[in-house]
Amino acid sequence: MVRTLLARGLLLGLLAGLVAGAFAFAFGEPRVDDAIALEEAAARAAAPEQAAGRPAHDHAGQPAHDHTGQAGQAGHDHGEEAAIGRPVQKAGLFLATGLYGLAVGGVFALVFAGLRGRVGPRSDGRLALAAAGTAFAAVILVPFVKYPANPPAVGDPETINGRTLLYVVMILVGLAATAIAVGTARRVTTGDAWARWTAAVAAFLVPVAAAWWLLPAVNEVPDGFPATLLWQFRLASLGTQLVFWAAFGVLFGWVSDRAARRAAAPARVAVPG
């Protein structure tokens, strides 16, 4: 059964990754192009100052950026000496989201196999949706609120290791908060579902809010960078993750419910004529 779930997770994760890649291509890549254009314009404006011996303001610091909302990936070189052109980068976006879907789908399937029949809704479809929504909240939304994704030309390359560590810490906080919430809900013995949900939500939010307050803020947006472009990029980044997890949760839940119904259906017995 675990092997079947793993194959299902890999296949559906790949499909959901390609769907998310299409969303990122349509809504995220134009924002990246706009940010690169600003970066290149700043570099051209700085060139005469450097030639005249005056210090130029450096806009070349690039943080890692992607459309899955993850921090700490390898940065891009968008200048004239870029080894990989933008058309190739855009095509590679689908490869990246597809591989991301494969990895996440495989891990999700193994976790789903461990949860099945032990916690959450009894229906496989509902459990898949609940698990996907919880994963999105814990692994994506919790760190994104504190450390949102940034486009090119935003961020200091010298701080990328520190920013990556902080992002990973927030992911761990989200996972720990989820475990605490599940444990709290299971300890509420009253039959009132509202009491159980209230306790679980409170148990989730307390460590998350504490981490948001205690961890240092990171604000490396250069002066003059368009706020509209910044938030459009961040919304596209978060939207890509939302599309992935929604598509994956629905697909995994639908296929799992169909498989469960087929397994529960009585076998047909042939009657001799």
C-alpha atoms as a PDB file:
ATOM      1  CA  MET A   1       0.000   0.000   0.000  1.00  0.00           C
ATOM      2  CA  VAL A   2       2.841   2.378   0.812  1.00  0.00           C
ATOM      3  CA  ARG A   3       4.370   1.728  -2.613  1.00  0.00           C
ATOM      4  CA  THR A   4       1.058   2.569  -4.281  1.00  0.00           C
ATOM      5  CA  LEU A   5       0.721   5.788  -2.282  1.00  0.00           C
ATOM      6  CA  LEU A   6       4.316   6.736  -3.087  1.00  0.00           C
ATOM      7  CA  ALA A   7       3.788   6.247  -6.824  1.00  0.00           C
ATOM      8  CA  ARG A   8       0.560   8.252  -6.581  1.00  0.00           C
ATOM      9  CA  GLY A   9       2.285  11.075  -4.739  1.00  0.00           C
ATOM     10  CA  LEU A  10       5.160  11.262  -7.224  1.00  0.00           C
ATOM     11  CA  LEU A  11       2.907  11.293 -10.280  1.00  0.00           C
ATOM     12  CA  LEU A  12       0.373  13.773  -8.916  1.00  0.00           C
ATOM     13  CA  GLY A  13       3.122  15.932  -7.415  1.00  0.00           C
ATOM     14  CA  LEU A  14       4.737  16.191 -10.845  1.00  0.00           C
ATOM     15  CA  LEU A  15       1.397  17.142 -12.417  1.00  0.00           C
ATOM     16  CA  ALA A  16       0.646  19.740  -9.724  1.00  0.00           C
ATOM     17  CA  GLY A  17       4.179  21.113 -10.110  1.00  0.00           C
ATOM     18  CA  LEU A  18       3.633  21.676 -13.822  1.00  0.00           C
ATOM     19  CA  VAL A  19       0.321  23.417 -13.106  1.00  0.00           C
ATOM     20  CA  ALA A  20       2.073  25.659 -10.580  1.00  0.00           C
ATOM     21  CA  GLY A  21       4.819  26.294 -13.144  1.00  0.00           C
ATOM     22  CA  ALA A  22       2.234  27.508 -15.635  1.00  0.00           C
ATOM     23  CA  PHE A  23       0.863  29.914 -13.020  1.00  0.00           C
ATOM     24  CA  ALA A  24       4.360  31.164 -12.201  1.00  0.00           C
ATOM     25  CA  PHE A  25       5.142  31.615 -15.890  1.00  0.00           C
ATOM     26  CA  ALA A  26       1.989  33.662 -16.449  1.00  0.00           C
ATOM     27  CA  PHE A  27       2.034  35.788 -13.292  1.00  0.00           C
ATOM     28  CA  GLY A  28       5.516  35.637 -11.804  1.00  0.00           C
ATOM     29  CA  GLU A  29       7.916  35.813 -14.740  1.00  0.00           C
ATOM     30  CA  PRO A  30       6.643  39.218 -15.973  1.00  0.00           C
ATOM     31  CA  ARG A  31       7.409  40.613 -12.511  1.00  0.00           C
ATOM     32  CA  VAL A  32      10.911  39.114 -12.682  1.00  0.00           C
ATOM     33  CA  ASP A  33      11.435  40.739 -16.088  1.00  0.00           C
ATOM     34  CA  ASP A  34      10.360  44.102 -14.659  1.00  0.00           C
ATOM     35  CA  ALA A  35      12.737  43.744 -11.701  1.00  0.00           C
ATOM     36  CA  ILE A  36      15.625  42.795 -14.016  1.00  0.00           C
ATOM     37  CA  ALA A  37      14.910  45.817 -16.202  1.00  0.00           C
ATOM     38  CA  LEU A  38      15.134  48.064 -13.124  1.00  0.00           C
ATOM     39  CA  GLU A  39      18.365  46.399 -12.071  1.00  0.00           C
ATOM     40  CA  GLU A  40      19.957  46.826 -15.486  1.00  0.00           C
ATOM     41  CA  ALA A  41      18.826  50.453 -15.705  1.00  0.00           C
ATOM     42  CA  ALA A  42      20.417  51.153 -12.324  1.00  0.00           C
ATOM     43  CA  ALA A  43      23.647  49.495 -13.474  1.00  0.00           C
ATOM     44  CA  ARG A  44      23.731  51.633 -16.625  1.00  0.00           C
ATOM     45  CA  ALA A  45      23.099  54.763 -14.597  1.00  0.00           C
ATOM     46  CA  ALA A  46      25.921  53.834 -12.228  1.00  0.00           C
ATOM     47  CA  ALA A  47      28.451  53.277 -15.017  1.00  0.00           C
ATOM     48  CA  PRO A  48      29.149  57.002 -15.739  1.00  0.00           C
ATOM     49  CA  GLU A  49      29.635  57.658 -12.005  1.00  0.00           C
ATOM     50  CA  GLN A  50      32.127  54.817 -11.756  1.00  0.00           C
ATOM     51  CA  ALA A  51      33.969  56.033 -14.848  1.00  0.00           C
ATOM     52  CA  ALA A  52      34.237  59.501 -13.291  1.00  0.00           C
ATOM     53  CA  GLY A  53      35.711  58.011 -10.111  1.00  0.00           C
ATOM     54  CA  ARG A  54      32.650  58.642  -7.964  1.00  0.00           C
ATOM     55  CA  PRO A  55      31.252  55.807  -5.844  1.00  0.00           C
ATOM     56  CA  ALA A  56      28.163  54.347  -7.431  1.00  0.00           C
ATOM     57  CA  HIS A  57      25.234  52.961  -5.533  1.00  0.00           C
ATOM     58  CA  ASP A  58      25.217  49.194  -5.904  1.00  0.00           C
ATOM     59  CA  HIS A  59      21.951  47.702  -7.030  1.00  0.00           C
ATOM     60  CA  ALA A  60      23.502  44.465  -8.121  1.00  0.00           C
ATOM     61  CA  GLY A  61      22.839  42.585  -4.873  1.00  0.00           C
ATOM     62  CA  GLN A  62      20.510  39.754  -5.770  1.00  0.00           C
ATOM     63  CA  PRO A  63      18.859  37.412  -3.347  1.00  0.00           C
ATOM     64  CA  ALA A  64      17.812  33.966  -4.351  1.00  0.00           C
ATOM     65  CA  HIS A  65      14.328  34.052  -5.742  1.00  0.00           C
ATOM     66  CA  ASP A  66      11.893  31.558  -7.104  1.00  0.00           C
ATOM     67  CA  HIS A  67       8.127  31.095  -7.547  1.00  0.00           C
ATOM     68  CA  THR A  68       7.683  28.385  -4.984  1.00  0.00           C
ATOM     69  CA  GLY A  69       8.161  30.812  -2.133  1.00  0.00           C
ATOM     70  CA  GLN A  70      11.347  29.164  -0.903  1.00  0.00           C
ATOM     71  CA  ALA A  71      14.360  31.165   0.159  1.00  0.00           C
ATOM     72  CA  GLY A  72      18.014  30.364  -0.225  1.00  0.00           C
ATOM     73  CA  GLN A  73      18.136  29.099  -3.805  1.00  0.00           C
ATOM     74  CA  ALA A  74      21.015  29.977  -6.100  1.00  0.00           C
ATOM     75  CA  GLY A  75      20.953  33.556  -7.332  1.00  0.00           C
ATOM     76  CA  HIS A  76      20.718  34.596 -10.975  1.00  0.00           C
ATOM     77  CA  ASP A  77      23.060  36.636 -13.072  1.00  0.00           C
ATOM     78  CA  HIS A  78      20.890  38.847 -15.263  1.00  0.00           C
ATOM     79  CA  GLY A  79      23.577  41.105 -16.652  1.00  0.00           C
ATOM     80  CA  GLU A  80      24.969  41.132 -20.153  1.00  0.00           C
ATOM     81  CA  GLU A  81      27.450  38.402 -19.169  1.00  0.00           C
ATOM     82  CA  ALA A  82      24.722  36.058 -17.929  1.00  0.00           C
ATOM     83  CA  ALA A  83      25.630  32.444 -18.628  1.00  0.00           C
ATOM     84  CA  ILE A  84      21.970  31.431 -18.931  1.00  0.00           C
ATOM     85  CA  GLY A  85      19.587  33.676 -20.849  1.00  0.00           C
ATOM     86  CA  ARG A  86      16.089  34.505 -19.750  1.00  0.00           C
ATOM     87  CA  PRO A  87      14.379  32.231 -22.329  1.00  0.00           C
ATOM     88  CA  VAL A  88      16.307  29.255 -20.955  1.00  0.00           C
ATOM     89  CA  GLN A  89      15.540  30.322 -17.376  1.00  0.00           C
ATOM     90  CA  LYS A  90      11.827  30.517 -18.187  1.00  0.00           C
ATOM     91  CA  ALA A  91      11.882  27.054 -19.729  1.00  0.00           C
ATOM     92  CA  GLY A  92      13.804  25.776 -16.723  1.00  0.00           C
ATOM     93  CA  LEU A  93      11.029  27.084 -14.485  1.00  0.00           C
ATOM     94  CA  PHE A  94       8.862  24.098 -15.450  1.00  0.00           C
ATOM     95  CA  LEU A  95      11.726  21.714 -14.751  1.00  0.00           C
ATOM     96  CA  ALA A  96      12.192  23.291 -11.313  1.00  0.00           C
ATOM     97  CA  THR A  97       8.508  23.182 -10.366  1.00  0.00           C
ATOM     98  CA  GLY A  98       8.187  19.653 -11.737  1.00  0.00           C
ATOM     99  CA  LEU A  99      11.113  18.410  -9.639  1.00  0.00           C
ATOM    100  CA  TYR A 100       9.721  20.296  -6.651  1.00  0.00           C
ATOM    101  CA  GLY A 101       6.401  18.531  -7.172  1.00  0.00           C
ATOM    102  CA  LEU A 102       8.097  15.130  -7.361  1.00  0.00           C
ATOM    103  CA  ALA A 103       9.975  15.701  -4.107  1.00  0.00           C
ATOM    104  CA  VAL A 104       7.005  17.127  -2.219  1.00  0.00           C
ATOM    105  CA  GLY A 105       4.648  14.486  -3.600  1.00  0.00           C
ATOM    106  CA  GLY A 106       6.893  11.670  -2.432  1.00  0.00           C
ATOM    107  CA  VAL A 107       7.292  13.070   1.081  1.00  0.00           C
ATOM    108  CA  PHE A 108       3.573  13.843   1.308  1.00  0.00           C
ATOM    109  CA  ALA A 109       2.651  10.295   0.306  1.00  0.00           C
ATOM    110  CA  LEU A 110       4.857   8.812   3.047  1.00  0.00           C
ATOM    111  CA  VAL A 111       3.413  11.167   5.663  1.00  0.00           C
ATOM    112  CA  PHE A 112      -0.105  10.415   4.414  1.00  0.00           C
ATOM    113  CA  ALA A 113       0.544   6.679   4.805  1.00  0.00           C
ATOM    114  CA  GLY A 114       1.545   7.277   8.424  1.00  0.00           C
ATOM    115  CA  LEU A 115      -1.495   9.437   9.177  1.00  0.00           C
ATOM    116  CA  ARG A 116      -4.048   7.246   7.403  1.00  0.00           C
ATOM    117  CA  GLY A 117      -6.396   5.669   9.918  1.00  0.00           C
ATOM    118  CA  ARG A 118      -4.668   7.297  12.890  1.00  0.00           C
ATOM    119  CA  VAL A 119      -5.495  11.019  12.839  1.00  0.00           C
ATOM    120  CA  GLY A 120      -7.665  13.385  10.885  1.00  0.00           C
ATOM    121  CA  PRO A 121     -10.776  12.582   8.849  1.00  0.00           C
ATOM    122  CA  ARG A 122     -11.456   8.914   8.116  1.00  0.00           C
ATOM    123  CA  SER A 123     -12.100   9.554   4.431  1.00  0.00           C
ATOM    124  CA  ASP A 124      -8.901   9.407   2.381  1.00  0.00           C
ATOM    125  CA  GLY A 125     -10.009  12.344   0.259  1.00  0.00           C
ATOM    126  CA  ARG A 126     -10.751  14.571   3.220  1.00  0.00           C
ATOM    127  CA  LEU A 127      -7.532  13.546   4.941  1.00  0.00           C
ATOM    128  CA  ALA A 128      -5.551  14.451   1.823  1.00  0.00           C
ATOM    129  CA  LEU A 129      -7.175  17.884   1.627  1.00  0.00           C
ATOM    130  CA  ALA A 130      -6.653  18.497   5.348  1.00  0.00           C
ATOM    131  CA  ALA A 131      -3.012  17.388   5.166  1.00  0.00           C
ATOM    132  CA  ALA A 132      -2.310  19.527   2.079  1.00  0.00           C
ATOM    133  CA  GLY A 133      -3.911  22.588   3.667  1.00  0.00           C
ATOM    134  CA  THR A 134      -1.971  22.055   6.887  1.00  0.00           C
ATOM    135  CA  ALA A 135       1.296  21.635   4.983  1.00  0.00           C
ATOM    136  CA  PHE A 136       0.673  24.851   3.056  1.00  0.00           C
ATOM    137  CA  ALA A 137       0.006  26.754   6.277  1.00  0.00           C
ATOM    138  CA  ALA A 138       2.960  25.321   8.199  1.00  0.00           C
ATOM    139  CA  VAL A 139       5.667  25.116   5.544  1.00  0.00           C
ATOM    140  CA  ILE A 140       4.711  27.983   3.223  1.00  0.00           C
ATOM    141  CA  LEU A 141       2.461  30.547   4.886  1.00  0.00           C
ATOM    142  CA  VAL A 142       4.155  30.711   8.299  1.00  0.00           C
ATOM    143  CA  PRO A 143       7.656  31.548   6.956  1.00  0.00           C
ATOM    144  CA  PHE A 144       6.264  33.699   4.133  1.00  0.00           C
ATOM    145  CA  VAL A 145       4.534  36.102   6.520  1.00  0.00           C
ATOM    146  CA  LYS A 146       7.821  36.749   8.327  1.00  0.00           C
ATOM    147  CA  TYR A 147      10.237  36.488   5.395  1.00  0.00           C
ATOM    148  CA  PRO A 148       8.423  36.974   2.070  1.00  0.00           C
ATOM    149  CA  ALA A 149      10.090  36.236  -1.262  1.00  0.00           C
ATOM    150  CA  ASN A 150      12.009  39.031  -2.986  1.00  0.00           C
ATOM    151  CA  PRO A 151      12.577  39.719  -6.686  1.00  0.00           C
ATOM    152  CA  PRO A 152      15.978  40.404  -8.291  1.00  0.00           C
ATOM    153  CA  ALA A 153      17.735  43.604  -7.155  1.00  0.00           C
ATOM    154  CA  VAL A 154      16.365  43.195  -3.609  1.00  0.00           C
ATOM    155  CA  GLY A 155      18.630  41.900  -0.873  1.00  0.00           C
ATOM    156  CA  ASP A 156      22.296  41.838   0.051  1.00  0.00           C
ATOM    157  CA  PRO A 157      24.179  38.773  -1.255  1.00  0.00           C
ATOM    158  CA  GLU A 158      26.412  38.862   1.832  1.00  0.00           C
ATOM    159  CA  THR A 159      23.417  38.099   4.088  1.00  0.00           C
ATOM    160  CA  ILE A 160      21.959  35.238   2.048  1.00  0.00           C
ATOM    161  CA  ASN A 161      23.203  32.521   4.423  1.00  0.00           C
ATOM    162  CA  GLY A 162      21.681  34.269   7.424  1.00  0.00           C
ATOM    163  CA  ARG A 163      18.400  34.835   5.619  1.00  0.00           C
ATOM    164  CA  THR A 164      18.281  31.192   4.524  1.00  0.00           C
ATOM    165  CA  LEU A 165      18.847  30.035   8.107  1.00  0.00           C
ATOM    166  CA  LEU A 166      16.065  32.275   9.401  1.00  0.00           C
ATOM    167  CA  TYR A 167      13.702  30.950   6.741  1.00  0.00           C
ATOM    168  CA  VAL A 168      14.498  27.342   7.668  1.00  0.00           C
ATOM    169  CA  VAL A 169      13.937  28.164  11.343  1.00  0.00           C
ATOM    170  CA  MET A 170      10.464  29.482  10.500  1.00  0.00           C
ATOM    171  CA  ILE A 171       9.681  26.284   8.581  1.00  0.00           C
ATOM    172  CA  LEU A 172      10.691  24.240  11.626  1.00  0.00           C
ATOM    173  CA  VAL A 173       8.536  26.467  13.824  1.00  0.00           C
ATOM    174  CA  GLY A 174       5.568  25.869  11.526  1.00  0.00           C
ATOM    175  CA  LEU A 175       6.068  22.095  11.641  1.00  0.00           C
ATOM    176  CA  ALA A 176       6.492  22.112  15.423  1.00  0.00           C
ATOM    177  CA  ALA A 177       3.385  24.256  15.830  1.00  0.00           C
ATOM    178  CA  THR A 178       1.432  21.797  13.693  1.00  0.00           C
ATOM    179  CA  ALA A 179       2.541  18.863  15.844  1.00  0.00           C
ATOM    180  CA  ILE A 180       1.597  20.773  18.993  1.00  0.00           C
ATOM    181  CA  ALA A 181      -1.816  21.640  17.530  1.00  0.00           C
ATOM    182  CA  VAL A 182      -2.540  18.021  16.589  1.00  0.00           C
ATOM    183  CA  GLY A 183      -1.475  16.792  20.024  1.00  0.00           C
ATOM    184  CA  THR A 184      -3.618  19.431  21.724  1.00  0.00           C
ATOM    185  CA  ALA A 185      -6.678  18.521  19.662  1.00  0.00           C
ATOM    186  CA  ARG A 186      -6.297  14.843  20.555  1.00  0.00           C
ATOM    187  CA  ARG A 187      -6.097  15.681  24.266  1.00  0.00           C
ATOM    188  CA  VAL A 188      -9.400  17.586  24.261  1.00  0.00           C
ATOM    189  CA  THR A 189     -11.793  14.899  25.472  1.00  0.00           C
ATOM    190  CA  THR A 190     -15.045  16.839  25.211  1.00  0.00           C
ATOM    191  CA  GLY A 191     -17.346  15.943  22.380  1.00  0.00           C
ATOM    192  CA  ASP A 192     -17.574  19.569  21.288  1.00  0.00           C
ATOM    193  CA  ALA A 193     -15.817  19.944  17.923  1.00  0.00           C
ATOM    194  CA  TRP A 194     -15.602  23.725  18.364  1.00  0.00           C
ATOM    195  CA  ALA A 195     -13.656  23.323  21.615  1.00  0.00           C
ATOM    196  CA  ARG A 196     -11.244  20.951  19.900  1.00  0.00           C
ATOM    197  CA  TRP A 197     -10.694  23.279  16.917  1.00  0.00           C
ATOM    198  CA  THR A 198     -10.295  26.340  19.149  1.00  0.00           C
ATOM    199  CA  ALA A 199      -7.681  24.600  21.265  1.00  0.00           C
ATOM    200  CA  ALA A 200      -5.809  23.376  18.179  1.00  0.00           C
ATOM    201  CA  VAL A 201      -5.757  26.810  16.513  1.00  0.00           C
ATOM    202  CA  ALA A 202      -4.577  28.483  19.718  1.00  0.00           C
ATOM    203  CA  ALA A 203      -1.844  25.876  20.187  1.00  0.00           C
ATOM    204  CA  PHE A 204      -0.704  26.499  16.611  1.00  0.00           C
ATOM    205  CA  LEU A 205      -0.704  30.284  16.793  1.00  0.00           C
ATOM    206  CA  VAL A 206       1.126  30.698  20.115  1.00  0.00           C
ATOM    207  CA  PRO A 207       4.554  29.363  19.006  1.00  0.00           C
ATOM    208  CA  VAL A 208       4.162  30.896  15.548  1.00  0.00           C
ATOM    209  CA  ALA A 209       3.365  34.354  16.934  1.00  0.00           C
ATOM    210  CA  ALA A 210       6.250  34.049  19.391  1.00  0.00           C
ATOM    211  CA  ALA A 211       8.663  33.232  16.552  1.00  0.00           C
ATOM    212  CA  TRP A 212       7.345  36.110  14.435  1.00  0.00           C
ATOM    213  CA  TRP A 213       8.002  38.458  17.364  1.00  0.00           C
ATOM    214  CA  LEU A 214      11.355  37.082  18.535  1.00  0.00           C
ATOM    215  CA  LEU A 215      13.164  36.432  15.253  1.00  0.00           C
ATOM    216  CA  PRO A 216      14.864  39.446  13.649  1.00  0.00           C
ATOM    217  CA  ALA A 217      13.226  41.241  10.757  1.00  0.00           C
ATOM    218  CA  VAL A 218      14.919  41.394   7.362  1.00  0.00           C
ATOM    219  CA  ASN A 219      14.315  44.512   5.297  1.00  0.00           C
ATOM    220  CA  GLU A 220      16.790  44.925   2.444  1.00  0.00           C
ATOM    221  CA  VAL A 221      14.522  46.586  -0.112  1.00  0.00           C
ATOM    222  CA  PRO A 222      16.535  49.412  -1.700  1.00  0.00           C
ATOM    223  CA  ASP A 223      15.204  52.961  -1.614  1.00  0.00           C
ATOM    224  CA  GLY A 224      13.144  53.752  -4.666  1.00  0.00           C
ATOM    225  CA  PHE A 225      12.216  50.168  -5.518  1.00  0.00           C
ATOM    226  CA  PRO A 226       8.554  50.185  -6.693  1.00  0.00           C
ATOM    227  CA  ALA A 227       6.314  48.922  -3.912  1.00  0.00           C
ATOM    228  CA  THR A 228       3.712  47.723  -6.424  1.00  0.00           C
ATOM    229  CA  LEU A 229       6.240  45.535  -8.233  1.00  0.00           C
ATOM    230  CA  LEU A 230       7.525  44.150  -4.939  1.00  0.00           C
ATOM    231  CA  TRP A 231       4.100  43.057  -3.764  1.00  0.00           C
ATOM    232  CA  GLN A 232       3.059  41.775  -7.172  1.00  0.00           C
ATOM    233  CA  PHE A 233       6.104  39.520  -7.144  1.00  0.00           C
ATOM    234  CA  ARG A 234       5.427  38.359  -3.595  1.00  0.00           C
ATOM    235  CA  LEU A 235       1.770  37.639  -4.334  1.00  0.00           C
ATOM    236  CA  ALA A 236       2.764  35.702  -7.459  1.00  0.00           C
ATOM    237  CA  SER A 237       5.272  33.708  -5.408  1.00  0.00           C
ATOM    238  CA  LEU A 238       2.704  32.875  -2.732  1.00  0.00           C
ATOM    239  CA  GLY A 239       0.056  32.235  -5.387  1.00  0.00           C
ATOM    240  CA  THR A 240       2.296  29.686  -7.079  1.00  0.00           C
ATOM    241  CA  GLN A 241       2.559  27.735  -3.850  1.00  0.00           C
ATOM    242  CA  LEU A 242      -1.167  28.039  -3.242  1.00  0.00           C
ATOM    243  CA  VAL A 243      -1.912  26.707  -6.731  1.00  0.00           C
ATOM    244  CA  PHE A 244       0.475  23.807  -6.217  1.00  0.00           C
ATOM    245  CA  TRP A 245      -0.922  22.717  -2.861  1.00  0.00           C
ATOM    246  CA  ALA A 246      -4.545  23.201  -3.921  1.00  0.00           C
ATOM    247  CA  ALA A 247      -4.044  21.208  -7.125  1.00  0.00           C
ATOM    248  CA  PHE A 248      -2.061  18.501  -5.375  1.00  0.00           C
ATOM    249  CA  GLY A 249      -4.478  18.181  -2.458  1.00  0.00           C
ATOM    250  CA  VAL A 250      -7.523  17.945  -4.728  1.00  0.00           C
ATOM    251  CA  LEU A 251      -5.875  15.474  -7.115  1.00  0.00           C
ATOM    252  CA  PHE A 252      -4.455  13.274  -4.353  1.00  0.00           C
ATOM    253  CA  GLY A 253      -7.749  13.299  -2.462  1.00  0.00           C
ATOM    254  CA  TRP A 254      -9.830  12.523  -5.550  1.00  0.00           C
ATOM    255  CA  VAL A 255      -7.621   9.635  -6.664  1.00  0.00           C
ATOM    256  CA  SER A 256      -7.438   8.268  -3.111  1.00  0.00           C
ATOM    257  CA  ASP A 257     -11.234   8.312  -2.734  1.00  0.00           C
ATOM    258  CA  ARG A 258     -11.668   6.536  -6.058  1.00  0.00           C
ATOM    259  CA  ALA A 259      -9.145   3.887  -5.046  1.00  0.00           C
ATOM    260  CA  ALA A 260     -10.875   3.393  -1.686  1.00  0.00           C
ATOM    261  CA  ARG A 261     -14.277   2.980  -3.362  1.00  0.00           C
ATOM    262  CA  ARG A 262     -12.894   0.422  -5.804  1.00  0.00           C
ATOM    263  CA  ALA A 263     -11.293  -1.501  -2.954  1.00  0.00           C
ATOM    264  CA  ALA A 264     -14.562  -1.485  -0.955  1.00  0.00           C
ATOM    265  CA  ALA A 265     -16.753  -2.545  -3.875  1.00  0.00           C
ATOM    266  CA  PRO A 266     -17.909  -6.191  -3.647  1.00  0.00           C
ATOM    267  CA  ALA A 267     -16.227  -8.474  -6.152  1.00  0.00           C
ATOM    268  CA  ARG A 268     -18.474  -9.762  -8.910  1.00  0.00           C
ATOM    269  CA  VAL A 269     -18.921 -13.499  -8.875  1.00  0.00           C
ATOM    270  CA  ALA A 270     -19.526 -15.187 -12.216  1.00  0.00           C
ATOM    271  CA  VAL A 271     -22.588 -17.455 -12.175  1.00  0.00           C
ATOM    272  CA  PRO A 272     -22.447 -20.423 -14.527  1.00  0.00           C
ATOM    273  CA  GLY A 273     -25.129 -20.219 -17.217  1.00  0.00           C
END
